């Protein structure tokens, strides 16, 4: 990775292109500080330039990334390790101008991966690679202090730097000046539970299997299919998620007229300035209709032995998974409540100092899938899900997030999510099945977990 100082994008392009053979290519990235930019206006503007869009927002950290266009896409059939290797190869050959080095600037990528790469793919996820990171042409970072715009292009020795600079300048002027128009929610004209009776039977079958095997828990997911009166506006959906889920990670990723979108409360891992943070979010209760009822439900959750044991199991799993990457680990003795609009969870942060020689992908490989999304023991649970679950999860329940050229990054577990396809949407939700689980109760729990996405889409 070559760092360039005191340059303009035009002079950087000229210098790089002159030193390339006609058949060679290289990524060139240029970051500058901007006046305040509304990330949703910027996101909507990309639609009118026919650019595939990506979005990440950590609401609690006041940190938003908006990616437009595709300078380079990194994929890997060999899993997370292959993604890590290919990402580093790209960075090694890149030229970067970035005097700020703020997390999310320089060359940054947004992407996700399959929950289970060995699960046969259905038509639903045809557009998505099993592991993919996209480096946008335009990446906007908006944090609590400022806005930054990173422009990244792949150039060859045959390219004309003046022409590239002209195109990028015209596009940038359009993007930063665009004012999005108000959008309306479309009307749901059909709502279909996918194989509800078969799903309940699967829960019953699973309880019997758990009673007779070494499995303790299996997380089973299902799909709700919606049809709308018109095409769904992604910008409107993001705006409503930001307003209704103020303690979540808001994300979206467009691919070939499809958009994977959601608001998840569950961080998998964050690395910033060599500090690592993972969190356990396991144990769930509904929110109360009154303040007293809400407090009582929260109190019961904090003192429920079953939920506390399951929560502690996940905390210890996280500790064991990341201790080889960290020193000075810090884990609270007891969980606290993490309240969302529709649900409240038991929450425990796990922190440590990230050691040199590792990347965020090493941690992802260790942590995914968590017991909260797979089951216990993990390997046996995933094998069971692969064989019996009625749903192709695709990117649902898997790591989704971002990484930059300075080894900063953050990935969340992509739950409370859906796949939008024009005027249709598939929503996904799961629950942990144990030997005493009641199929109807589990079915109702997934209905509650559909609500964050269902509500913002007009359900």
Protein backbone atom coordinates (compact mmCIF):
# COMPACT_ATOMS: atom_id res chain seq x y z
CA UNK A 1 0.00 0.00 0.00
CA UNK A 2 1.48 3.32 -1.13
CA UNK A 3 0.53 6.43 0.85
CA UNK A 4 0.47 9.66 -1.20
CA UNK A 5 0.71 13.15 0.38
CA UNK A 6 0.04 16.71 -0.84
CA UNK A 7 -1.74 15.67 -4.05
CA UNK A 8 -4.92 16.33 -5.99
CA UNK A 9 -6.89 13.43 -7.44
CA UNK A 10 -5.92 14.61 -10.94
CA UNK A 11 -2.17 14.65 -10.18
CA UNK A 12 -2.38 11.30 -8.41
CA UNK A 13 -4.16 9.69 -11.36
CA UNK A 14 -1.64 11.12 -13.81
CA UNK A 15 1.33 9.84 -11.83
CA UNK A 16 -0.10 6.34 -11.40
CA UNK A 17 -1.27 5.90 -15.00
CA UNK A 18 2.07 7.08 -16.47
CA UNK A 19 3.87 4.34 -14.51
CA UNK A 20 1.55 1.51 -15.59
CA UNK A 21 1.93 -0.77 -18.57
CA UNK A 22 -1.13 -0.79 -20.82
CA UNK A 23 -2.20 -4.21 -19.50
CA UNK A 24 -1.65 -3.34 -15.81
CA UNK A 25 -4.29 -2.01 -13.41
CA UNK A 26 -4.19 -0.37 -9.99
CA UNK A 27 -6.67 0.99 -7.47
CA UNK A 28 -6.27 4.68 -6.71
CA UNK A 29 -8.00 6.20 -3.70
CA UNK A 30 -8.33 9.85 -2.65
CA UNK A 31 -9.97 11.10 0.59
CA UNK A 32 -10.99 14.66 1.38
CA UNK A 33 -12.91 16.38 4.14
CA UNK A 34 -16.30 17.78 3.15
CA UNK A 35 -18.98 20.16 4.30
CA UNK A 36 -21.81 18.40 6.12
CA UNK A 37 -23.61 15.94 3.82
CA UNK A 38 -26.92 14.21 4.54
CA UNK A 39 -26.13 10.49 4.09
CA UNK A 40 -29.67 9.62 3.00
CA UNK A 41 -29.67 12.29 0.27
CA UNK A 42 -26.29 10.98 -0.87
CA UNK A 43 -27.64 7.40 -0.85
CA UNK A 44 -30.72 8.36 -2.88
CA UNK A 45 -28.60 10.31 -5.38
CA UNK A 46 -26.72 7.13 -6.25
CA UNK A 47 -29.96 5.60 -7.53
CA UNK A 48 -30.26 8.31 -10.18
CA UNK A 49 -26.70 7.65 -11.37
CA UNK A 50 -27.59 3.93 -11.63
CA UNK A 51 -25.00 2.97 -9.03
CA UNK A 52 -25.34 -0.04 -6.75
CA UNK A 53 -25.52 1.23 -3.19
CA UNK A 54 -24.37 0.07 0.23
CA UNK A 55 -25.10 1.50 3.65
CA UNK A 56 -23.88 1.02 7.22
CA UNK A 57 -24.86 3.01 10.28
CA UNK A 58 -23.91 2.50 13.91
CA UNK A 59 -26.57 4.67 15.53
CA UNK A 60 -25.00 4.66 18.99
CA UNK A 61 -21.59 5.71 17.63
CA UNK A 62 -22.98 8.34 15.22
CA UNK A 63 -21.03 6.63 12.43
CA UNK A 64 -22.43 6.23 8.89
CA UNK A 65 -20.91 4.88 5.69
CA UNK A 66 -22.61 5.22 2.30
CA UNK A 67 -21.06 3.46 -0.68
CA UNK A 68 -22.02 4.23 -4.29
CA UNK A 69 -20.83 2.38 -7.37
CA UNK A 70 -18.32 -0.41 -7.61
CA UNK A 71 -14.62 0.30 -8.02
CA UNK A 72 -13.67 -3.26 -7.16
CA UNK A 73 -15.41 -6.33 -5.76
CA UNK A 74 -13.57 -8.90 -3.66
CA UNK A 75 -15.04 -12.40 -3.49
CA UNK A 76 -13.76 -15.68 -2.11
CA UNK A 77 -15.15 -19.17 -2.54
CA UNK A 78 -12.75 -20.38 0.15
CA UNK A 79 -14.55 -18.54 2.95
CA UNK A 80 -13.52 -15.80 5.37
CA UNK A 81 -9.81 -16.66 5.17
CA UNK A 82 -9.92 -16.24 1.41
CA UNK A 83 -11.68 -12.91 1.77
CA UNK A 84 -8.97 -11.75 4.17
CA UNK A 85 -6.20 -12.83 1.80
CA UNK A 86 -7.79 -11.19 -1.24
CA UNK A 87 -8.47 -7.97 0.68
CA UNK A 88 -4.83 -7.71 1.70
CA UNK A 89 -3.69 -8.38 -1.87
CA UNK A 90 -5.83 -5.49 -3.08
CA UNK A 91 -4.41 -3.15 -0.43
CA UNK A 92 -0.81 -4.13 -1.21
CA UNK A 93 -1.18 -2.91 -4.78
CA UNK A 94 -3.27 0.21 -4.08
CA UNK A 95 -2.26 3.88 -4.09
CA UNK A 96 -3.94 5.84 -1.30
CA UNK A 97 -4.06 9.57 -0.62
CA UNK A 98 -5.58 10.11 2.84
CA UNK A 99 -4.18 12.73 5.25
CA UNK A 100 -6.85 11.93 7.87
CA UNK A 101 -6.71 8.17 8.53
CA UNK A 102 -10.04 8.35 10.35
CA UNK A 103 -11.75 4.91 10.63
CA UNK A 104 -13.84 4.44 7.50
CA UNK A 105 -11.58 6.51 5.23
CA UNK A 106 -8.87 5.42 2.83
CA UNK A 107 -9.89 2.37 0.83
CA UNK A 108 -12.93 0.97 2.62
CA UNK A 109 -15.25 -1.89 1.73
CA UNK A 110 -18.73 -2.99 2.78
CA UNK A 111 -20.04 -6.52 2.44
CA UNK A 112 -21.27 -9.76 3.88
CA UNK A 113 -21.18 -13.51 3.61
CA UNK A 114 -23.36 -16.61 3.71
CA UNK A 115 -24.54 -17.96 7.03
CA UNK A 116 -23.60 -21.45 5.83
CA UNK A 117 -21.61 -21.66 2.56
CA UNK A 118 -22.26 -25.42 2.42
CA UNK A 119 -26.04 -25.00 2.31
CA UNK A 120 -27.34 -25.41 -1.27
CA UNK A 121 -28.37 -22.06 -2.73
CA UNK A 122 -31.99 -21.28 -3.63
CA UNK A 123 -33.12 -18.84 -6.32
CA UNK A 124 -33.79 -16.26 -3.59
CA UNK A 125 -30.07 -15.49 -3.13
CA UNK A 126 -28.87 -15.96 -6.72
CA UNK A 127 -27.56 -12.40 -6.99
CA UNK A 128 -25.30 -12.62 -3.92
CA UNK A 129 -21.83 -14.14 -3.70
CA UNK A 130 -21.07 -16.41 -0.77
CA UNK A 131 -18.41 -13.98 0.48
CA UNK A 132 -18.21 -10.46 -0.88
CA UNK A 133 -16.68 -7.07 -0.09
CA UNK A 134 -17.40 -4.11 -2.36
CA UNK A 135 -15.05 -1.14 -2.62
CA UNK A 136 -17.33 1.70 -3.78
CA UNK A 137 -16.30 4.40 -6.22
CA UNK A 138 -17.68 6.95 -3.76
CA UNK A 139 -17.59 6.20 -0.03
CA UNK A 140 -19.08 8.84 2.25
CA UNK A 141 -18.24 8.75 5.95
CA UNK A 142 -20.33 10.86 8.30
CA UNK A 143 -19.33 10.76 11.98
CA UNK A 144 -20.00 13.01 14.93
CA UNK A 145 -17.20 15.36 13.91
CA UNK A 146 -17.27 15.71 10.12
CA UNK A 147 -17.98 14.27 6.67
CA UNK A 148 -15.30 12.65 4.52
CA UNK A 149 -15.53 11.52 0.91
CA UNK A 150 -13.24 8.83 -0.47
CA UNK A 151 -13.12 8.36 -4.24
CA UNK A 152 -11.61 5.10 -5.50
CA UNK A 153 -11.10 4.05 -9.12
CA UNK A 154 -9.41 1.17 -10.90
CA UNK A 155 -7.14 2.55 -13.62
CA UNK A 156 -5.02 1.00 -16.37
CA UNK A 157 -2.07 2.24 -18.37
CA UNK A 158 -4.41 3.04 -21.27
CA UNK A 159 -6.66 5.41 -19.29
CA UNK A 160 -6.84 9.18 -19.74
CA UNK A 161 -6.45 10.89 -16.33
CA UNK A 162 -8.18 14.07 -17.53
CA UNK A 163 -11.25 12.17 -18.67
CA UNK A 164 -11.46 10.14 -15.43
CA UNK A 165 -11.06 13.30 -13.34
CA UNK A 166 -13.79 15.07 -15.33
CA UNK A 167 -16.28 12.20 -14.91
CA UNK A 168 -15.59 11.85 -11.19
CA UNK A 169 -15.89 15.60 -10.62
CA UNK A 170 -19.25 15.78 -12.44
CA UNK A 171 -20.59 12.79 -10.55
CA UNK A 172 -19.39 14.13 -7.20
CA UNK A 173 -21.01 17.52 -7.79
CA UNK A 174 -24.32 15.81 -8.53
CA UNK A 175 -24.11 13.48 -5.53
CA UNK A 176 -23.25 16.07 -2.89
CA UNK A 177 -25.87 18.59 -4.07
CA UNK A 178 -28.80 16.21 -4.51
CA UNK A 179 -31.85 16.74 -2.30
CA UNK A 180 -33.98 13.62 -1.91
CA UNK A 181 -37.73 13.94 -2.34
CA UNK A 182 -40.14 12.62 0.29
CA UNK A 183 -41.16 9.02 -0.34
CA UNK A 184 -44.34 7.22 0.68
CA UNK A 185 -44.63 3.73 2.07
CA UNK A 186 -46.12 1.28 -0.42
CA UNK A 187 -49.16 -0.74 0.61
CA UNK A 188 -48.85 -4.43 1.42
CA UNK A 189 -51.26 -6.33 -0.82
CA UNK A 190 -50.23 -9.86 0.17
CA UNK A 191 -48.59 -11.38 3.23
CA UNK A 192 -47.62 -15.05 3.20
CA UNK A 193 -46.11 -17.14 5.97
CA UNK A 194 -43.84 -19.64 4.22
CA UNK A 195 -44.73 -23.23 5.20
CA UNK A 196 -45.99 -22.40 8.73
CA UNK A 197 -47.30 -25.88 9.52
CA UNK A 198 -44.15 -27.59 8.27
CA UNK A 199 -42.11 -25.16 10.39
CA UNK A 200 -44.06 -26.00 13.55
CA UNK A 201 -43.63 -29.70 12.79
CA UNK A 202 -39.89 -29.13 12.37
CA UNK A 203 -39.75 -27.49 15.80
CA UNK A 204 -41.52 -30.53 17.29
CA UNK A 205 -39.17 -32.88 15.44
CA UNK A 206 -36.19 -30.87 16.72
CA UNK A 207 -37.28 -31.06 20.37
CA UNK A 208 -37.45 -34.85 20.04
CA UNK A 209 -34.06 -34.98 18.34
CA UNK A 210 -32.48 -32.85 21.08
CA UNK A 211 -33.89 -35.16 23.77
CA UNK A 212 -32.17 -38.13 22.15
CA UNK A 213 -28.86 -36.54 21.11
CA UNK A 214 -25.99 -34.43 22.38
CA UNK A 215 -27.58 -31.29 20.95
CA UNK A 216 -28.72 -28.71 23.52
CA UNK A 217 -30.14 -26.02 21.24
CA UNK A 218 -30.85 -25.48 17.55
CA UNK A 219 -31.79 -22.08 16.11
CA UNK A 220 -34.46 -22.45 13.44
CA UNK A 221 -35.38 -19.59 11.10
CA UNK A 222 -38.32 -19.01 8.80
CA UNK A 223 -39.49 -16.59 6.09
CA UNK A 224 -42.37 -14.16 5.71
CA UNK A 225 -43.03 -13.15 2.10
CA UNK A 226 -44.61 -9.76 1.35
CA UNK A 227 -45.95 -8.25 -1.87
CA UNK A 228 -46.49 -4.50 -2.22
CA UNK A 229 -48.54 -2.23 -4.42
CA UNK A 230 -45.39 -0.71 -5.90
CA UNK A 231 -41.61 -0.88 -5.79
CA UNK A 232 -40.17 -0.40 -2.30
CA UNK A 233 -38.10 2.75 -1.75
CA UNK A 234 -34.87 1.72 -0.04
CA UNK A 235 -34.05 5.25 1.15
CA UNK A 236 -37.45 5.54 2.86
CA UNK A 237 -36.94 2.14 4.49
CA UNK A 238 -33.52 3.20 5.83
CA UNK A 239 -34.92 6.49 7.17
CA UNK A 240 -37.70 4.66 9.01
CA UNK A 241 -35.25 2.11 10.43
CA UNK A 242 -33.03 4.91 11.71
CA UNK A 243 -35.99 6.50 13.48
CA UNK A 244 -37.55 3.33 14.85
CA UNK A 245 -34.38 1.40 15.81
CA UNK A 246 -32.12 4.01 17.46
CA UNK A 247 -29.91 1.44 19.20
CA UNK A 248 -29.25 -0.81 16.20
CA UNK A 249 -26.91 -1.19 13.24
CA UNK A 250 -28.73 -0.13 10.07
CA UNK A 251 -27.46 -1.72 6.87
CA UNK A 252 -28.29 -2.19 3.20
CA UNK A 253 -26.52 -3.80 0.26
CA UNK A 254 -27.81 -3.64 -3.31
CA UNK A 255 -26.96 -6.28 -5.88
CA UNK A 256 -28.60 -6.71 -9.28
CA UNK A 257 -31.97 -5.13 -8.34
CA UNK A 258 -31.96 -6.91 -4.97
CA UNK A 259 -31.34 -5.22 -1.63
CA UNK A 260 -30.47 -6.94 1.64
CA UNK A 261 -31.53 -4.57 4.41
CA UNK A 262 -32.02 -4.64 8.15
CA UNK A 263 -31.55 -3.20 11.62
CA UNK A 264 -29.67 -5.55 13.90
CA UNK A 265 -28.86 -4.95 17.57
CA UNK A 266 -26.16 -7.61 17.60
CA UNK A 267 -22.54 -6.63 17.08
CA UNK A 268 -20.20 -9.48 16.21
CA UNK A 269 -16.87 -7.63 16.46
CA UNK A 270 -15.43 -4.14 16.21
CA UNK A 271 -11.75 -3.24 15.81
CA UNK A 272 -10.73 0.40 16.11
CA UNK A 273 -7.20 1.68 16.73
CA UNK A 274 -6.17 -1.83 17.85
CA UNK A 275 -8.98 -2.13 20.41
CA UNK A 276 -11.35 -5.07 20.02
CA UNK A 277 -14.96 -5.11 21.17
CA UNK A 278 -17.42 -7.98 20.91
CA UNK A 279 -20.81 -8.22 22.58
CA UNK A 280 -23.16 -10.90 23.80
CA UNK A 281 -26.85 -10.27 23.13
CA UNK A 282 -28.65 -13.42 24.25
CA UNK A 283 -31.82 -13.74 26.28
CA UNK A 284 -34.97 -12.00 25.05
CA UNK A 285 -38.20 -10.58 26.47
CA UNK A 286 -40.89 -8.32 24.96
CA UNK A 287 -41.26 -4.65 25.89
CA UNK A 288 -44.12 -3.77 28.20
CA UNK A 289 -47.11 -1.63 27.25
CA UNK A 290 -46.61 0.53 30.33
CA UNK A 291 -43.49 1.66 32.19
CA UNK A 292 -44.30 -0.60 35.13
CA UNK A 293 -44.96 -3.61 32.93
CA UNK A 294 -41.76 -2.93 30.98
CA UNK A 295 -39.73 -2.74 34.21
CA UNK A 296 -41.29 -5.95 35.48
CA UNK A 297 -40.53 -7.82 32.23
CA UNK A 298 -36.96 -6.54 32.36
CA UNK A 299 -36.57 -7.57 36.00
CA UNK A 300 -37.85 -11.07 35.20
CA UNK A 301 -35.40 -11.37 32.32
CA UNK A 302 -32.48 -10.25 34.51
CA UNK A 303 -33.39 -12.90 37.10
CA UNK A 304 -34.48 -15.75 34.82
CA UNK A 305 -32.07 -18.62 35.45
CA UNK A 306 -32.54 -20.24 32.04
CA UNK A 307 -31.85 -17.02 30.15
CA UNK A 308 -28.90 -16.16 32.41
CA UNK A 309 -27.33 -19.58 31.84
CA UNK A 310 -27.79 -19.32 28.06
CA UNK A 311 -26.38 -15.79 28.11
CA UNK A 312 -23.34 -16.80 30.13
CA UNK A 313 -22.71 -19.70 27.77
CA UNK A 314 -22.46 -17.24 24.86
CA UNK A 315 -20.24 -14.86 26.89
CA UNK A 316 -17.81 -17.69 27.65
CA UNK A 317 -17.89 -18.80 24.03
CA UNK A 318 -16.93 -15.28 22.94
CA UNK A 319 -14.18 -15.12 25.56
CA UNK A 320 -12.67 -18.43 24.44
CA UNK A 321 -12.95 -17.47 20.78
CA UNK A 322 -11.16 -14.13 21.01
CA UNK A 323 -8.69 -14.58 23.88
CA UNK A 324 -5.92 -15.67 21.48
CA UNK A 325 -6.27 -12.34 19.65
CA UNK A 326 -6.37 -10.10 22.74
CA UNK A 327 -4.61 -9.05 25.89
CA UNK A 328 -6.12 -7.20 28.87
CA UNK A 329 -9.60 -8.64 28.33
CA UNK A 330 -12.43 -6.99 30.28
CA UNK A 331 -15.77 -8.75 30.89
CA UNK A 332 -18.45 -7.52 33.35
CA UNK A 333 -19.67 -10.00 35.96
CA UNK A 334 -23.35 -9.58 35.12
CA UNK A 335 -25.39 -8.62 32.04
CA UNK A 336 -27.53 -5.50 31.78
CA UNK A 337 -30.68 -4.83 29.76
CA UNK A 338 -30.41 -3.66 26.16
CA UNK A 339 -33.78 -2.19 25.19
CA UNK A 340 -35.06 -2.00 21.63
CA UNK A 341 -38.43 -0.74 20.43
CA UNK A 342 -40.12 -4.15 20.44
CA UNK A 343 -37.74 -6.30 22.47
CA UNK A 344 -35.25 -6.21 25.34
CA UNK A 345 -32.17 -8.41 25.63
CA UNK A 346 -29.50 -9.39 28.10
CA UNK A 347 -26.28 -7.62 27.10
CA UNK A 348 -22.60 -8.08 28.02
CA UNK A 349 -19.65 -6.34 26.28
CA UNK A 350 -16.31 -8.16 25.87
CA UNK A 351 -13.26 -5.92 25.35
CA UNK A 352 -9.55 -6.44 24.76
CA UNK A 353 -6.39 -5.00 23.24
CA UNK A 354 -6.01 -6.43 19.73
CA UNK A 355 -2.62 -8.03 19.12
CA UNK A 356 -0.53 -7.43 16.01
CA UNK A 357 -0.50 -10.08 13.32
CA UNK A 358 -4.25 -10.66 13.31
CA UNK A 359 -7.12 -9.13 11.36
CA UNK A 360 -10.81 -8.65 11.99
CA UNK A 361 -11.42 -11.59 9.63
CA UNK A 362 -9.55 -13.91 12.01
CA UNK A 363 -12.03 -12.96 14.72
CA UNK A 364 -15.04 -13.37 12.43
CA UNK A 365 -13.90 -16.85 11.52
CA UNK A 366 -13.77 -17.77 15.22
CA UNK A 367 -17.03 -16.14 16.28
CA UNK A 368 -19.37 -17.07 13.45
CA UNK A 369 -21.82 -18.66 13.82
CA UNK A 370 -22.63 -17.67 17.39
CA UNK A 371 -24.77 -20.02 19.53
CA UNK A 372 -27.50 -17.37 19.31
CA UNK A 373 -27.79 -18.00 15.56
CA UNK A 374 -26.64 -21.61 15.22
CA UNK A 375 -27.04 -23.58 18.42
CA UNK A 376 -25.08 -25.70 20.87
CA UNK A 377 -22.79 -27.52 20.17
CA UNK A 378 -22.18 -25.33 17.15
CA UNK A 379 -20.92 -27.82 14.59
CA UNK A 380 -23.65 -30.36 15.24
CA UNK A 381 -26.32 -27.65 15.26
CA UNK A 382 -25.16 -26.23 11.91
CA UNK A 383 -25.19 -29.71 10.39
CA UNK A 384 -28.77 -30.18 11.62
CA UNK A 385 -29.85 -26.77 10.26
CA UNK A 386 -28.22 -27.51 6.91
CA UNK A 387 -30.15 -30.75 6.57
CA UNK A 388 -33.58 -29.87 7.97
CA UNK A 389 -34.23 -26.12 7.98
CA UNK A 390 -36.79 -25.07 5.35
CA UNK A 391 -35.04 -21.77 4.61
CA UNK A 392 -31.96 -20.85 2.59
CA UNK A 393 -30.62 -18.16 4.95
CA UNK A 394 -28.17 -16.66 2.46
CA UNK A 395 -26.71 -13.57 4.18
CA UNK A 396 -29.33 -13.61 6.94
CA UNK A 397 -27.80 -14.30 10.37
CA UNK A 398 -24.27 -13.98 8.98
CA UNK A 399 -21.58 -11.30 9.46
CA UNK A 400 -22.22 -8.04 7.61
CA UNK A 401 -20.09 -4.93 7.97
CA UNK A 402 -17.13 -2.88 6.80
CA UNK A 403 -13.34 -2.76 6.90
CA UNK A 404 -10.80 -0.11 5.94
CA UNK A 405 -7.17 0.00 4.82
CA UNK A 406 -5.95 0.70 8.38
CA UNK A 407 -7.33 -2.55 9.86
CA UNK A 408 -10.32 -0.83 11.42
CA UNK A 409 -13.71 -2.40 10.89
CA UNK A 410 -16.96 -3.59 12.38
CA UNK A 411 -19.27 -6.50 11.63
CA UNK A 412 -22.72 -7.21 13.02
CA UNK A 413 -24.90 -10.32 12.90
CA UNK A 414 -27.41 -9.63 10.14
CA UNK A 415 -30.66 -10.44 11.95
CA UNK A 416 -33.92 -8.39 11.93
CA UNK A 417 -33.43 -8.24 8.19
CA UNK A 418 -35.03 -8.84 4.82
CA UNK A 419 -34.32 -9.19 1.13
CA UNK A 420 -36.15 -6.66 -1.04
CA UNK A 421 -36.75 -7.48 -4.71
CA UNK A 422 -38.69 -4.75 -6.47
CA UNK A 423 -42.21 -4.84 -5.02
CA UNK A 424 -41.57 -8.01 -3.00
CA UNK A 425 -39.73 -8.65 0.25
CA UNK A 426 -38.68 -11.73 2.19
CA UNK A 427 -38.30 -11.16 5.93
CA UNK A 428 -36.34 -13.58 8.13
CA UNK A 429 -36.54 -14.44 11.83
CA UNK A 430 -35.33 -17.30 14.02
CA UNK A 431 -35.52 -18.62 17.56
CA UNK A 432 -33.63 -21.06 19.75
CA UNK A 433 -35.25 -24.47 20.08
CA UNK A 434 -34.47 -26.60 23.15
CA UNK A 435 -35.93 -29.91 24.31
CA UNK A 436 -38.88 -28.27 26.11
CA UNK A 437 -39.76 -25.78 23.37
CA UNK A 438 -43.39 -25.32 22.37
CA UNK A 439 -43.83 -25.02 18.58
CA UNK A 440 -46.57 -22.41 18.77
CA UNK A 441 -44.68 -20.31 21.31
CA UNK A 442 -41.58 -20.36 19.09
CA UNK A 443 -43.72 -19.42 16.10
CA UNK A 444 -45.07 -16.40 18.01
CA UNK A 445 -41.54 -15.39 19.04
CA UNK A 446 -40.49 -15.23 15.39
CA UNK A 447 -43.58 -13.12 14.66
CA UNK A 448 -42.33 -10.57 17.21
CA UNK A 449 -38.88 -10.61 15.58
CA UNK A 450 -40.43 -9.83 12.17
CA UNK A 451 -41.86 -6.58 13.56
CA UNK A 452 -38.89 -4.19 13.16
CA UNK A 453 -38.80 -4.77 9.40
CA UNK A 454 -42.52 -5.35 8.98
CA UNK A 455 -43.43 -2.07 10.68
CA UNK A 456 -41.16 0.12 8.58
CA UNK A 457 -42.35 -1.52 5.37
CA UNK A 458 -45.97 -0.74 6.18
CA UNK A 459 -47.15 -3.95 7.86
